[in-house]
Protein backbone atom coordinates (compact mmCIF):
# COMPACT_ATOMS: atom_id res chain seq x y z
CA UNK A 1 -269.56 -192.81 -91.30
CA UNK A 2 -269.33 -189.42 -92.93
CA UNK A 3 -265.84 -188.43 -94.10
CA UNK A 4 -264.48 -185.44 -92.23
CA UNK A 5 -263.50 -182.50 -94.38
CA UNK A 6 -260.75 -180.08 -93.46
CA UNK A 7 -261.93 -176.66 -92.36
CA UNK A 8 -260.00 -173.45 -93.01
CA UNK A 9 -258.69 -173.57 -89.45
CA UNK A 10 -257.30 -177.07 -90.05
CA UNK A 11 -255.72 -176.34 -93.42
CA UNK A 12 -251.94 -176.35 -93.19
CA UNK A 13 -249.38 -174.31 -95.06
CA UNK A 14 -247.53 -176.26 -97.77
CA UNK A 15 -244.38 -176.14 -95.65
CA UNK A 16 -246.03 -177.55 -92.54
CA UNK A 17 -247.82 -180.21 -94.60
CA UNK A 18 -244.62 -181.40 -96.26
CA UNK A 19 -242.51 -181.35 -93.10
CA UNK A 20 -245.11 -183.34 -91.14
CA UNK A 21 -245.00 -186.03 -93.82
CA UNK A 22 -241.19 -186.09 -93.60
CA UNK A 23 -241.64 -186.62 -89.86
CA UNK A 24 -243.88 -189.67 -90.53
CA UNK A 25 -246.98 -187.83 -89.35
CA UNK A 26 -250.36 -187.26 -90.98
CA UNK A 27 -250.77 -183.72 -92.30
CA UNK A 28 -254.11 -182.34 -93.51
CA UNK A 29 -253.60 -183.92 -96.93
CA UNK A 30 -250.97 -185.85 -98.87
CA UNK A 31 -248.15 -183.48 -99.95
CA UNK A 32 -247.15 -183.22 -103.62
CA UNK A 33 -243.78 -182.17 -105.02
CA UNK A 34 -241.38 -183.05 -107.82
CA UNK A 35 -238.55 -181.83 -110.00
CA UNK A 36 -239.78 -180.68 -113.44
CA UNK A 37 -237.82 -180.78 -116.70
CA UNK A 38 -237.55 -177.44 -118.51
CA UNK A 39 -239.49 -178.25 -121.66
CA UNK A 40 -242.58 -179.71 -120.03
CA UNK A 41 -242.47 -177.05 -117.34
CA UNK A 42 -243.08 -174.37 -119.94
CA UNK A 43 -245.86 -176.43 -121.52
CA UNK A 44 -247.48 -176.79 -118.11
CA UNK A 45 -247.18 -173.05 -117.49
CA UNK A 46 -248.98 -172.34 -120.76
CA UNK A 47 -251.60 -175.02 -120.08
CA UNK A 48 -252.31 -173.31 -116.76
CA UNK A 49 -252.95 -170.02 -118.56
CA UNK A 50 -249.71 -168.06 -118.26
CA UNK A 51 -246.68 -167.15 -120.35
CA UNK A 52 -244.12 -167.32 -117.54
CA UNK A 53 -244.09 -168.30 -113.86
CA UNK A 54 -241.39 -168.15 -111.23
CA UNK A 55 -240.87 -171.15 -108.95
CA UNK A 56 -243.33 -169.91 -106.34
CA UNK A 57 -246.06 -169.11 -108.86
CA UNK A 58 -245.59 -172.48 -110.55
CA UNK A 59 -245.75 -174.32 -107.22
CA UNK A 60 -248.97 -172.56 -106.25
CA UNK A 61 -250.55 -173.19 -109.66
CA UNK A 62 -249.80 -176.89 -109.84
CA UNK A 63 -250.13 -177.55 -106.12
CA UNK A 64 -246.55 -178.30 -105.07
CA UNK A 65 -245.79 -178.15 -101.37
CA UNK A 66 -241.99 -177.94 -101.80
CA UNK A 67 -239.55 -176.37 -104.25
CA UNK A 68 -235.83 -176.92 -104.61
CA UNK A 69 -232.66 -174.96 -105.23
CA UNK A 70 -230.35 -176.91 -107.52
CA UNK A 71 -227.36 -174.72 -108.43
CA UNK A 72 -225.28 -175.88 -105.48
CA UNK A 73 -226.03 -179.46 -106.53
CA UNK A 74 -224.48 -178.66 -109.93
CA UNK A 75 -221.34 -177.28 -108.32
CA UNK A 76 -220.04 -180.73 -107.42
CA UNK A 77 -217.38 -181.28 -110.10
CA UNK A 78 -217.64 -184.41 -112.22
CA UNK A 79 -214.52 -185.29 -114.18
CA UNK A 80 -216.24 -187.01 -117.07
CA UNK A 81 -216.76 -186.46 -120.78
CA UNK A 82 -220.03 -184.68 -121.53
CA UNK A 83 -222.42 -184.36 -124.45
CA UNK A 84 -224.90 -181.53 -125.02
CA UNK A 85 -228.12 -182.53 -126.77
CA UNK A 86 -230.24 -180.46 -129.15
CA UNK A 87 -232.22 -179.04 -126.21
CA UNK A 88 -229.08 -177.75 -124.50
CA UNK A 89 -229.09 -180.41 -121.78
CA UNK A 90 -225.67 -181.65 -120.68
CA UNK A 91 -225.25 -185.42 -120.25
CA UNK A 92 -222.37 -187.30 -118.64
CA UNK A 93 -220.98 -190.01 -120.90
CA UNK A 94 -219.48 -192.32 -118.27
CA UNK A 95 -216.01 -192.04 -119.74
CA UNK A 96 -214.15 -190.74 -116.72
CA UNK A 97 -211.11 -188.50 -116.98
CA UNK A 98 -209.35 -189.59 -113.77
CA UNK A 99 -206.96 -192.43 -114.57
CA UNK A 100 -204.32 -192.05 -111.86
CA UNK A 101 -203.65 -190.14 -108.65
CA UNK A 102 -202.00 -187.28 -110.53
CA UNK A 103 -205.37 -186.63 -112.22
CA UNK A 104 -206.97 -185.81 -108.87
CA UNK A 105 -205.82 -182.24 -109.42
CA UNK A 106 -208.67 -181.92 -111.93
CA UNK A 107 -211.13 -181.90 -109.04
CA UNK A 108 -211.66 -178.20 -108.36
CA UNK A 109 -214.23 -177.46 -105.67
CA UNK A 110 -215.73 -173.98 -105.27
CA UNK A 111 -215.26 -172.20 -101.96
CA UNK A 112 -218.79 -171.23 -100.93
CA UNK A 113 -217.48 -168.74 -98.40
CA UNK A 114 -215.96 -166.54 -101.09
CA UNK A 115 -217.52 -164.21 -103.63
CA UNK A 116 -221.20 -164.55 -104.51
CA UNK A 117 -221.44 -168.34 -104.46
CA UNK A 118 -224.30 -168.33 -101.96
CA UNK A 119 -226.11 -165.16 -103.01
CA UNK A 120 -228.58 -166.90 -105.32
CA UNK A 121 -229.35 -169.53 -102.70
CA UNK A 122 -230.04 -166.82 -100.13
CA UNK A 123 -232.31 -164.97 -102.56
CA UNK A 124 -234.16 -168.24 -103.28
CA UNK A 125 -234.86 -168.82 -99.59
CA UNK A 126 -235.84 -165.20 -98.97
CA UNK A 127 -238.24 -165.03 -101.92
CA UNK A 128 -239.98 -168.39 -101.74
CA UNK A 129 -239.92 -168.66 -97.98
CA UNK A 130 -242.56 -165.92 -97.99
CA UNK A 131 -244.92 -168.31 -99.74
CA UNK A 132 -244.71 -170.86 -96.90
CA UNK A 133 -243.36 -173.56 -99.20
CA UNK A 134 -240.97 -176.24 -97.92
CA UNK A 135 -237.59 -175.29 -99.40
CA UNK A 136 -234.85 -177.77 -100.13
CA UNK A 137 -231.30 -177.62 -101.37
CA UNK A 138 -230.09 -180.32 -103.75
CA UNK A 139 -226.72 -181.90 -102.98
CA UNK A 140 -224.72 -184.53 -104.83
CA UNK A 141 -222.97 -186.41 -102.00
CA UNK A 142 -220.43 -188.23 -104.12
CA UNK A 143 -221.03 -191.87 -105.10
CA UNK A 144 -222.37 -191.09 -108.57
CA UNK A 145 -219.72 -188.47 -109.43
CA UNK A 146 -217.05 -190.87 -108.19
CA UNK A 147 -217.94 -193.66 -110.61
CA UNK A 148 -218.53 -191.15 -113.42
CA UNK A 149 -215.15 -189.49 -112.83
CA UNK A 150 -213.40 -192.87 -113.02
CA UNK A 151 -215.46 -194.44 -115.79
CA UNK A 152 -216.92 -197.89 -115.31
CA UNK A 153 -213.85 -199.95 -116.19
CA UNK A 154 -211.51 -197.94 -113.98
CA UNK A 155 -214.15 -197.89 -111.24
CA UNK A 156 -214.35 -201.69 -111.34
CA UNK A 157 -210.55 -202.02 -111.24
CA UNK A 158 -210.21 -199.60 -108.34
CA UNK A 159 -213.06 -201.08 -106.32
CA UNK A 160 -211.86 -204.67 -106.67
CA UNK A 161 -208.17 -204.03 -106.20
CA UNK A 162 -206.19 -201.20 -104.66
CA UNK A 163 -208.88 -198.70 -103.60
CA UNK A 164 -206.48 -195.80 -103.17
CA UNK A 165 -207.72 -193.92 -106.25
CA UNK A 166 -211.37 -194.62 -105.42
CA UNK A 167 -210.79 -193.33 -101.91
CA UNK A 168 -208.96 -190.25 -103.22
CA UNK A 169 -211.98 -189.20 -105.28
CA UNK A 170 -214.81 -190.09 -102.92
CA UNK A 171 -213.17 -188.64 -99.84
CA UNK A 172 -212.82 -185.30 -101.62
CA UNK A 173 -216.57 -185.15 -102.28
CA UNK A 174 -217.41 -186.08 -98.69
CA UNK A 175 -214.92 -183.59 -97.21
CA UNK A 176 -216.19 -180.76 -99.43
CA UNK A 177 -219.84 -181.42 -98.62
CA UNK A 178 -219.07 -181.70 -94.90
CA UNK A 179 -217.56 -178.21 -95.03
CA UNK A 180 -220.69 -176.82 -96.66
CA UNK A 181 -223.50 -178.44 -94.67
CA UNK A 182 -223.49 -176.00 -91.75
CA UNK A 183 -223.16 -173.07 -94.15
CA UNK A 184 -226.13 -174.23 -96.24
CA UNK A 185 -228.25 -174.93 -93.19
CA UNK A 186 -227.67 -171.40 -91.93
CA UNK A 187 -229.33 -169.97 -95.08
CA UNK A 188 -232.67 -171.35 -93.96
CA UNK A 189 -233.45 -174.40 -96.11
CA UNK A 190 -236.03 -176.71 -94.56
CA UNK A 191 -234.46 -179.93 -95.78
CA UNK A 192 -231.75 -181.33 -98.04
CA UNK A 193 -232.27 -183.59 -101.05
CA UNK A 194 -229.24 -185.82 -101.68
CA UNK A 195 -229.01 -187.28 -105.20
CA UNK A 196 -226.89 -190.36 -105.94
CA UNK A 197 -228.07 -192.89 -108.53
CA UNK A 198 -226.67 -196.22 -107.36
CA UNK A 199 -229.04 -198.83 -108.81
CA UNK A 200 -230.30 -200.21 -112.09
CA UNK A 201 -233.84 -201.48 -112.55
CA UNK A 202 -232.76 -204.98 -111.48
CA UNK A 203 -230.53 -204.11 -108.54
CA UNK A 204 -227.47 -202.14 -107.32
CA UNK A 205 -224.86 -200.89 -109.82
CA UNK A 206 -222.12 -202.46 -107.72
CA UNK A 207 -221.90 -205.04 -104.96
CA UNK A 208 -223.76 -204.41 -101.71
CA UNK A 209 -220.48 -205.25 -99.96
CA UNK A 210 -218.74 -202.28 -101.61
CA UNK A 211 -221.58 -200.00 -100.55
CA UNK A 212 -221.57 -201.39 -97.02
CA UNK A 213 -217.82 -201.56 -96.43
CA UNK A 214 -216.48 -198.64 -98.47
CA UNK A 215 -219.10 -196.02 -99.33
CA UNK A 216 -221.43 -195.96 -96.34
CA UNK A 217 -218.83 -195.40 -93.56
CA UNK A 218 -217.61 -192.32 -95.42
CA UNK A 219 -221.15 -191.20 -96.30
CA UNK A 220 -221.98 -191.45 -92.58
CA UNK A 221 -219.41 -188.70 -91.90
CA UNK A 222 -221.55 -186.44 -94.09
CA UNK A 223 -224.98 -187.57 -92.90
CA UNK A 224 -223.92 -187.09 -89.27
CA UNK A 225 -223.21 -183.43 -90.06
CA UNK A 226 -226.79 -182.83 -91.22
CA UNK A 227 -229.03 -181.46 -88.48
CA UNK A 228 -232.15 -180.74 -90.57
CA UNK A 229 -234.33 -183.38 -92.27
CA UNK A 230 -233.05 -184.87 -95.52
CA UNK A 231 -234.26 -187.07 -98.35
CA UNK A 232 -232.21 -189.50 -100.44
CA UNK A 233 -232.75 -190.15 -104.15
CA UNK A 234 -231.72 -193.07 -106.27
CA UNK A 235 -233.59 -194.61 -109.17
CA UNK A 236 -233.75 -198.35 -109.64
CA UNK A 237 -234.19 -201.32 -107.34
CA UNK A 238 -232.79 -200.56 -103.88
CA UNK A 239 -234.39 -203.58 -102.22
CA UNK A 240 -231.15 -205.45 -101.53
CA UNK A 241 -229.51 -202.41 -99.95
CA UNK A 242 -232.49 -200.63 -98.39
CA UNK A 243 -231.60 -201.61 -94.84
CA UNK A 244 -228.00 -200.51 -95.38
CA UNK A 245 -229.09 -197.12 -96.69
CA UNK A 246 -231.34 -196.51 -93.70
CA UNK A 247 -228.26 -196.68 -91.48
CA UNK A 248 -227.45 -193.18 -92.77
CA UNK A 249 -230.47 -191.76 -90.94
CA UNK A 250 -232.35 -190.07 -93.76
CA UNK A 251 -235.97 -189.03 -93.24
CA UNK A 252 -237.20 -189.95 -96.71
CA UNK A 253 -236.42 -192.15 -99.72
CA UNK A 254 -237.28 -191.09 -103.30
CA UNK A 255 -238.61 -192.20 -105.80
CA UNK A 256 -239.41 -195.92 -105.07
CA UNK A 257 -239.36 -196.60 -108.81
CA UNK A 258 -241.91 -199.06 -110.23
CA UNK A 259 -241.87 -201.74 -111.49
CA UNK A 260 -238.44 -202.27 -109.89
CA UNK A 261 -239.73 -201.73 -106.35
CA UNK A 262 -243.04 -202.62 -104.74
CA UNK A 263 -243.99 -199.57 -102.68
CA UNK A 264 -246.63 -201.52 -100.74
CA UNK A 265 -243.99 -203.95 -99.46
CA UNK A 266 -241.61 -201.08 -98.69
CA UNK A 267 -244.37 -199.25 -96.80
CA UNK A 268 -245.22 -202.36 -94.80
CA UNK A 269 -241.61 -203.12 -93.90
CA UNK A 270 -240.08 -199.65 -93.52
CA UNK A 271 -242.94 -197.13 -93.38
CA UNK A 272 -242.53 -196.68 -89.64
CA UNK A 273 -238.88 -195.67 -90.16
CA UNK A 274 -238.71 -193.54 -93.30
CA UNK A 275 -241.08 -191.43 -95.41
CA UNK A 276 -241.69 -192.45 -99.02
CA UNK A 277 -241.79 -189.92 -101.86
CA UNK A 278 -242.72 -190.56 -105.49
CA UNK A 279 -243.75 -193.78 -107.28
CA UNK A 280 -246.23 -192.63 -109.96
CA UNK A 281 -245.30 -194.66 -113.01
CA UNK A 282 -243.15 -193.20 -115.80
CA UNK A 283 -243.06 -196.35 -117.95
CA UNK A 284 -246.69 -196.23 -119.04
CA UNK A 285 -249.05 -194.12 -116.93
CA UNK A 286 -247.68 -190.58 -117.24
CA UNK A 287 -246.18 -190.75 -120.76
CA UNK A 288 -248.70 -193.03 -122.49
CA UNK A 289 -251.71 -193.53 -120.21
CA UNK A 290 -255.05 -191.78 -120.15
CA UNK A 291 -256.17 -189.13 -117.70
CA UNK A 292 -258.45 -191.76 -116.15
CA UNK A 293 -255.52 -194.15 -115.67
CA UNK A 294 -253.50 -191.41 -113.98
CA UNK A 295 -256.34 -190.60 -111.60
CA UNK A 296 -256.83 -194.28 -110.80
CA UNK A 297 -253.13 -194.80 -110.01
CA UNK A 298 -252.90 -191.71 -107.81
CA UNK A 299 -256.03 -192.76 -105.93
CA UNK A 300 -254.62 -196.26 -105.42
CA UNK A 301 -251.27 -194.98 -104.12
CA UNK A 302 -252.96 -192.65 -101.65
CA UNK A 303 -255.31 -195.41 -100.50
CA UNK A 304 -252.54 -197.97 -99.98
CA UNK A 305 -249.57 -195.79 -98.97
CA UNK A 306 -251.04 -192.56 -97.62
CA UNK A 307 -252.70 -194.00 -94.53
CA UNK A 308 -250.77 -193.20 -91.38
CA UNK A 309 -248.80 -190.40 -93.02
CA UNK A 310 -245.21 -190.43 -94.22
CA UNK A 311 -246.12 -190.33 -97.92
CA UNK A 312 -245.37 -187.58 -100.44
CA UNK A 313 -246.79 -188.05 -103.90
CA UNK A 314 -244.56 -187.58 -106.93
CA UNK A 315 -243.32 -189.40 -109.99
CA UNK A 316 -240.95 -192.35 -110.25
CA UNK A 317 -238.08 -189.97 -111.06
CA UNK A 318 -239.16 -186.48 -112.05
CA UNK A 319 -241.76 -184.83 -114.28
CA UNK A 320 -239.94 -185.53 -117.52
CA UNK A 321 -240.31 -184.02 -120.98
CA UNK A 322 -241.86 -187.26 -122.27
CA UNK A 323 -244.85 -187.04 -119.92
CA UNK A 324 -248.19 -185.89 -121.32
CA UNK A 325 -249.12 -182.43 -120.08
CA UNK A 326 -252.73 -183.48 -119.46
CA UNK A 327 -251.52 -186.44 -117.40
CA UNK A 328 -249.31 -184.31 -115.19
CA UNK A 329 -252.22 -181.96 -114.55
CA UNK A 330 -254.46 -184.95 -113.85
CA UNK A 331 -251.93 -186.20 -111.29
CA UNK A 332 -251.91 -182.81 -109.55
CA UNK A 333 -255.71 -182.67 -109.54
CA UNK A 334 -256.06 -186.22 -108.21
CA UNK A 335 -253.79 -185.54 -105.22
CA UNK A 336 -256.13 -182.78 -104.09
CA UNK A 337 -259.22 -184.83 -104.85
CA UNK A 338 -258.26 -187.96 -102.92
CA UNK A 339 -255.49 -186.92 -100.53
CA UNK A 340 -257.41 -185.44 -97.58
CA UNK A 341 -256.80 -187.03 -94.19
CA UNK A 342 -258.18 -189.20 -92.79
CA UNK A 343 -257.83 -191.38 -95.91
CA UNK A 344 -261.23 -193.04 -96.36
CA UNK A 345 -261.03 -194.41 -99.91
């Protein structure tokens, strides 16, 4: 049987392609999108023959179907010690500054209704919406900044004993985000991307019971406010808590990190309920593998996971500075080479 090729009439815009995948449908081809670290982004720009590119130009050049606005994500205050590396990147140290209830006054949340807080977000949507890309806004819902603001020892004490301090921090994040959801939706984003690292490579950072009994009921207050599609991100092995997370009603889970998670098993068990985004290996393939190995892995993911729709190709976290430029470009090329529907590999 001859494989059907997509005609010009059938070719979708990047936005439509991405949103159909979020809706568990088959678009014209497998969508591709990811967050890109600053250093490798510039190397990729130069490798693609330019000195500078804005977000829209970069997306078109590399083949992304979605781009994200992250400044509002960074506005969530984290009361933790930080360290700035030689590249100017700020890292949280996990030595939280909130030790008692009186320290809760450190948590200063910006009022997005005042001043120019939303101007850049509006400009982002206006400019890149013209390119028919799927536009998302990054949000930090609150679990990660809660444990960072407490520090691990204080977090353990508060979660196992009197949870008053834990509740005081987390509830503030949820309440602040609930206030902003409708405002952010009105700007015109197509979907939200909620970031909250809650797992190590061998399982959750804390007990599933704490997630189930304490965090998720409060998180549900936020997720119920969201009326547009949304994706959820956490690295690590989410297998033990996957069913619990799906109770929040997200449309997509990212990044299904290997080797911690088996995306084929996740697809088989949950692919009819939630879209899967990511999974291209960052342990060996992208940083140390060959171009041929990258192409082989992308082809295999599309063959096994792409059928039936609901799959967005990306990395197992983000396109990091330790990836090889030629491998990232090979990944982008392979998506276009093998990703046309119907998948007949």
